[in-house]
Amino acid sequence: MAKKKNKGAGAQQTKAEPQGAGGKFKEFTEFLEQSKVEIKKVVWPTQKETIQTCTAVLVLVVVMSLFLGVVDMGLSKLVETVLS
């Protein structure tokens, strides 16, 4: 969680620094609890949305691969023609 800063007289609201391993453990458990709350807020895609997105990505990869392959062959032939 972010620390809040007060603008008046340069005062800042901060947490007390934990002491030793016990404090670190307490920080870690607080982190896990906050993570659990945030994970519950995540909206996961449906199976249909996931399949549609993966299909779109695969189609784009194939199209771009073909395009770049054709451009590469064309430029190779051009360079070969110029150098021979």
C-alpha atoms as a PDB file:
ATOM      1  CA  MET A   1       0.000   0.000   0.000  1.00  0.00           C
ATOM      2  CA  ALA A   2       1.357   3.454  -0.857  1.00  0.00           C
ATOM      3  CA  LYS A   3       2.443   5.812   1.874  1.00  0.00           C
ATOM      4  CA  LYS A   4       0.556   9.084   2.065  1.00  0.00           C
ATOM      5  CA  LYS A   5       2.440  12.356   2.225  1.00  0.00           C
ATOM      6  CA  ASN A   6       1.118  15.405   4.027  1.00  0.00           C
ATOM      7  CA  LYS A   7       1.888  18.722   2.363  1.00  0.00           C
ATOM      8  CA  GLY A   8       1.758  20.785   5.552  1.00  0.00           C
ATOM      9  CA  ALA A   9       5.058  21.614   7.312  1.00  0.00           C
ATOM     10  CA  GLY A  10       6.928  18.815   5.569  1.00  0.00           C
ATOM     11  CA  ALA A  11       5.375  16.147   7.821  1.00  0.00           C
ATOM     12  CA  GLN A  12       5.036  12.661   6.403  1.00  0.00           C
ATOM     13  CA  GLN A  13       2.890   9.800   7.564  1.00  0.00           C
ATOM     14  CA  THR A  14       5.064   6.679   7.555  1.00  0.00           C
ATOM     15  CA  LYS A  15       4.886   3.223   9.055  1.00  0.00           C
ATOM     16  CA  ALA A  16       7.202   2.369  11.883  1.00  0.00           C
ATOM     17  CA  GLU A  17      10.116   0.280  10.652  1.00  0.00           C
ATOM     18  CA  PRO A  18       9.758  -3.342  11.765  1.00  0.00           C
ATOM     19  CA  GLN A  19      12.394  -4.765  14.072  1.00  0.00           C
ATOM     20  CA  GLY A  20      14.242  -7.952  13.115  1.00  0.00           C
ATOM     21  CA  ALA A  21      12.942 -11.147  11.537  1.00  0.00           C
ATOM     22  CA  GLY A  22       9.549 -10.918  13.258  1.00  0.00           C
ATOM     23  CA  GLY A  23       8.885  -7.594  11.579  1.00  0.00           C
ATOM     24  CA  LYS A  24       9.903  -8.938   8.192  1.00  0.00           C
ATOM     25  CA  PHE A  25       7.570 -11.929   8.653  1.00  0.00           C
ATOM     26  CA  LYS A  26       4.734  -9.582   9.566  1.00  0.00           C
ATOM     27  CA  GLU A  27       5.429  -7.481   6.444  1.00  0.00           C
ATOM     28  CA  PHE A  28       5.469 -10.610   4.296  1.00  0.00           C
ATOM     29  CA  THR A  29       2.156 -11.901   5.654  1.00  0.00           C
ATOM     30  CA  GLU A  30       0.596  -8.464   5.105  1.00  0.00           C
ATOM     31  CA  PHE A  31       1.888  -8.521   1.526  1.00  0.00           C
ATOM     32  CA  LEU A  32       0.333 -11.961   0.948  1.00  0.00           C
ATOM     33  CA  GLU A  33      -3.017 -10.817   2.365  1.00  0.00           C
ATOM     34  CA  GLN A  34      -3.042  -7.739   0.129  1.00  0.00           C
ATOM     35  CA  SER A  35      -2.072  -9.860  -2.875  1.00  0.00           C
ATOM     36  CA  LYS A  36      -4.960 -12.229  -2.169  1.00  0.00           C
ATOM     37  CA  VAL A  37      -7.395  -9.279  -2.132  1.00  0.00           C
ATOM     38  CA  GLU A  38      -6.027  -7.954  -5.438  1.00  0.00           C
ATOM     39  CA  ILE A  39      -6.172 -11.383  -7.128  1.00  0.00           C
ATOM     40  CA  LYS A  40      -9.895 -11.556  -6.299  1.00  0.00           C
ATOM     41  CA  LYS A  41     -10.381  -8.324  -8.321  1.00  0.00           C
ATOM     42  CA  VAL A  42      -8.886  -9.815 -11.506  1.00  0.00           C
ATOM     43  CA  VAL A  43     -11.348 -10.515 -14.313  1.00  0.00           C
ATOM     44  CA  TRP A  44     -10.071 -13.595 -16.130  1.00  0.00           C
ATOM     45  CA  PRO A  45     -10.942 -14.121 -19.814  1.00  0.00           C
ATOM     46  CA  THR A  46     -13.335 -16.871 -20.786  1.00  0.00           C
ATOM     47  CA  GLN A  47     -12.153 -19.928 -22.704  1.00  0.00           C
ATOM     48  CA  LYS A  48     -13.787 -18.564 -25.868  1.00  0.00           C
ATOM     49  CA  GLU A  49     -11.983 -15.212 -25.535  1.00  0.00           C
ATOM     50  CA  THR A  50      -8.673 -16.973 -24.922  1.00  0.00           C
ATOM     51  CA  ILE A  51      -9.064 -19.187 -28.000  1.00  0.00           C
ATOM     52  CA  GLN A  52     -10.044 -16.184 -30.165  1.00  0.00           C
ATOM     53  CA  THR A  53      -7.062 -14.170 -28.976  1.00  0.00           C
ATOM     54  CA  CYS A  54      -4.623 -17.042 -29.494  1.00  0.00           C
ATOM     55  CA  THR A  55      -6.013 -17.651 -32.982  1.00  0.00           C
ATOM     56  CA  ALA A  56      -5.629 -13.983 -33.884  1.00  0.00           C
ATOM     57  CA  VAL A  57      -2.037 -13.978 -32.637  1.00  0.00           C
ATOM     58  CA  LEU A  58      -1.151 -17.146 -34.564  1.00  0.00           C
ATOM     59  CA  VAL A  59      -2.697 -15.793 -37.785  1.00  0.00           C
ATOM     60  CA  LEU A  60      -0.784 -12.531 -37.384  1.00  0.00           C
ATOM     61  CA  VAL A  61       2.476 -14.427 -36.784  1.00  0.00           C
ATOM     62  CA  VAL A  62       1.980 -16.519 -39.935  1.00  0.00           C
ATOM     63  CA  VAL A  63       1.102 -13.463 -42.059  1.00  0.00           C
ATOM     64  CA  MET A  64       4.074 -11.461 -40.756  1.00  0.00           C
ATOM     65  CA  SER A  65       6.415 -14.438 -41.268  1.00  0.00           C
ATOM     66  CA  LEU A  66       5.319 -14.809 -44.875  1.00  0.00           C
ATOM     67  CA  PHE A  67       5.622 -11.063 -45.486  1.00  0.00           C
ATOM     68  CA  LEU A  68       9.091 -10.834 -43.974  1.00  0.00           C
ATOM     69  CA  GLY A  69      10.201 -13.969 -45.819  1.00  0.00           C
ATOM     70  CA  VAL A  70       9.089 -12.521 -49.173  1.00  0.00           C
ATOM     71  CA  VAL A  71      10.758  -9.159 -48.419  1.00  0.00           C
ATOM     72  CA  ASP A  72      13.963 -10.949 -47.352  1.00  0.00           C
ATOM     73  CA  MET A  73      14.031 -13.046 -50.532  1.00  0.00           C
ATOM     74  CA  GLY A  74      13.379  -9.981 -52.663  1.00  0.00           C
ATOM     75  CA  LEU A  75      16.150  -7.974 -51.024  1.00  0.00           C
ATOM     76  CA  SER A  76      18.533 -10.953 -51.269  1.00  0.00           C
ATOM     77  CA  LYS A  77      17.864 -11.249 -55.020  1.00  0.00           C
ATOM     78  CA  LEU A  78      18.294  -7.472 -55.391  1.00  0.00           C
ATOM     79  CA  VAL A  79      21.657  -7.480 -53.594  1.00  0.00           C
ATOM     80  CA  GLU A  80      22.751 -10.570 -55.556  1.00  0.00           C
ATOM     81  CA  THR A  81      21.842  -8.821 -58.835  1.00  0.00           C
ATOM     82  CA  VAL A  82      23.662  -5.617 -57.857  1.00  0.00           C
ATOM     83  CA  LEU A  83      26.827  -7.417 -56.729  1.00  0.00           C
ATOM     84  CA  SER A  84      27.100  -9.774 -59.735  1.00  0.00           C
END
